Structures are given as C-alpha cells and as structure tokens.
C-alpha atoms as a PDB file:
ATOM      1  CA  MET A   1      23.585   7.593   2.555  1.00  0.00           C
ATOM      2  CA  ARG A   2      20.295   9.813   3.273  1.00  0.00           C
ATOM      3  CA  VAL A   3      18.834   9.220   0.662  1.00  0.00           C
ATOM      4  CA  TRP A   4      19.493   4.981   0.752  1.00  0.00           C
ATOM      5  CA  ILE A   5      17.580   5.110   4.035  1.00  0.00           C
ATOM      6  CA  LEU A   6      14.551   7.095   2.473  1.00  0.00           C
ATOM      7  CA  ARG A   7      14.744   5.087  -0.365  1.00  0.00           C
ATOM      8  CA  GLY A   8      14.933   1.726   1.981  1.00  0.00           C
ATOM      9  CA  VAL A   9      11.671   3.154   4.113  1.00  0.00           C
ATOM     10  CA  LEU A  10       9.714   4.428   1.024  1.00  0.00           C
ATOM     11  CA  VAL A  11      10.323  -0.159   0.020  1.00  0.00           C
ATOM     12  CA  VAL A  12       8.683  -1.334   2.993  1.00  0.00           C
ATOM     13  CA  VAL A  13       6.192   1.259   2.841  1.00  0.00           C
ATOM     14  CA  LEU A  14       5.063   0.097  -0.773  1.00  0.00           C
ATOM     15  CA  THR A  15       6.054  -3.487   0.152  1.00  0.00           C
ATOM     16  CA  VAL A  16       3.199  -3.068   3.446  1.00  0.00           C
ATOM     17  CA  LEU A  17       0.719  -1.820   1.064  1.00  0.00           C
ATOM     18  CA  LEU A  18       1.010  -4.453  -1.547  1.00  0.00           C
ATOM     19  CA  VAL A  19       0.798  -7.439   1.355  1.00  0.00           C
ATOM     20  CA  TYR A  20      -1.958  -5.265   2.142  1.00  0.00           C
ATOM     21  CA  ALA A  21      -3.831  -5.055  -1.360  1.00  0.00           C
ATOM     22  CA  VAL A  22      -3.168  -8.866  -1.942  1.00  0.00           C
ATOM     23  CA  ALA A  23      -4.001 -10.062   1.571  1.00  0.00           C
ATOM     24  CA  GLY A  24      -7.017  -8.580   1.887  1.00  0.00           C
ATOM     25  CA  SER A  25     -10.429  -9.194   0.542  1.00  0.00           C
ATOM     26  CA  SER A  26     -12.560  -7.210  -1.339  1.00  0.00           C
ATOM     27  CA  ARG A  27     -15.519  -7.284  -3.512  1.00  0.00           C
ATOM     28  CA  ILE A  28     -13.754  -4.747  -5.766  1.00  0.00           C
ATOM     29  CA  SER A  29     -10.907  -7.428  -6.271  1.00  0.00           C
ATOM     30  CA  GLY A  30     -11.963  -9.295  -9.746  1.00  0.00           C
ATOM     31  CA  SER A  31     -12.306 -12.564 -10.730  1.00  0.00           C
ATOM     32  CA  VAL A  32      -9.851 -15.083  -9.951  1.00  0.00           C
ATOM     33  CA  VAL A  33      -7.539 -15.599 -12.633  1.00  0.00           C
ATOM     34  CA  PHE A  34      -6.100 -18.677 -11.090  1.00  0.00           C
ATOM     35  CA  THR A  35      -6.688 -20.970  -8.829  1.00  0.00           C
ATOM     36  CA  ILE A  36      -4.245 -21.509  -5.690  1.00  0.00           C
ATOM     37  CA  VAL A  37      -6.765 -23.640  -3.215  1.00  0.00           C
ATOM     38  CA  GLU A  38     -10.642 -24.631  -2.968  1.00  0.00           C
ATOM     39  CA  ASN A  39     -13.135 -21.598  -2.969  1.00  0.00           C
ATOM     40  CA  GLN A  40     -11.858 -19.100  -4.790  1.00  0.00           C
ATOM     41  CA  HIS A  41      -8.512 -18.907  -3.099  1.00  0.00           C
ATOM     42  CA  GLY A  42      -6.328 -17.572  -5.728  1.00  0.00           C
ATOM     43  CA  VAL A  43      -4.888 -14.771  -7.134  1.00  0.00           C
ATOM     44  CA  HIS A  44      -7.465 -12.450  -8.503  1.00  0.00           C
ATOM     45  CA  GLN A  45      -6.950  -9.442 -11.194  1.00  0.00           C
ATOM     46  CA  GLY A  46      -6.960  -6.654  -7.999  1.00  0.00           C
ATOM     47  CA  ASP A  47      -3.439  -8.622  -6.889  1.00  0.00           C
ATOM     48  CA  ILE A  48      -2.143  -8.446 -10.526  1.00  0.00           C
ATOM     49  CA  VAL A  49      -2.541  -4.802 -10.464  1.00  0.00           C
ATOM     50  CA  ALA A  50      -1.682  -4.323  -7.071  1.00  0.00           C
ATOM     51  CA  PHE A  51       2.224  -5.983  -8.206  1.00  0.00           C
ATOM     52  CA  VAL A  52       1.922  -4.233 -10.865  1.00  0.00           C
ATOM     53  CA  MET A  53       2.047  -1.007  -9.354  1.00  0.00           C
ATOM     54  CA  TRP A  54       4.386  -1.642  -6.680  1.00  0.00           C
ATOM     55  CA  CYS A  55       6.612  -2.463  -9.629  1.00  0.00           C
ATOM     56  CA  ILE A  56       6.038   0.803 -11.026  1.00  0.00           C
ATOM     57  CA  GLY A  57       6.859   2.446  -7.420  1.00  0.00           C
ATOM     58  CA  LEU A  58      10.167   0.508  -6.785  1.00  0.00           C
ATOM     59  CA  GLY A  59      11.441   1.596 -10.029  1.00  0.00           C
ATOM     60  CA  VAL A  60      10.574   5.667  -9.419  1.00  0.00           C
ATOM     61  CA  VAL A  61      11.975   4.859  -6.113  1.00  0.00           C
ATOM     62  CA  LEU A  62      15.351   3.605  -7.364  1.00  0.00           C
ATOM     63  CA  ARG A  63      15.213   5.814 -10.102  1.00  0.00           C
ATOM     64  CA  VAL A  64      15.005   9.085  -8.176  1.00  0.00           C
ATOM     65  CA  LYS A  65      18.954  10.547  -7.020  1.00  0.00           C
END
C-alpha cells in the first residue's frame, strides 16, 4: 500500500514539473516545431524533450517494485 502512495506522489511531482516546463517561456525552449496559434504559440523542441523525459520517468516509477 505504501508503495502505491509513493508512486502516486512521484507521478504528481513529475506531472507538475512537466506542466511548468511546457507552460513556461524561455529562450532555451528552442524553435517552434508546429504552431497552434499565431505569434509563436505552439510546441517547441524543449516541450518534446520534456514530454519524453516525463514518459521515461513514469516508466521508471511504475517499474520499481
């Protein structure tokens, strides 16, 4: 039971970090891969990297026994 609570907390922490990384604005975000709305609002290269790292983190969290 304690392992599932810890996993839940780690998933929430990883998800919050992903939202901060994607929602934030930074010069190091990279170029826009595809535009959602005008004026450079879209998916940046850094957003894709953040999402891939989030997926890897979730895989590690769920794999630990």
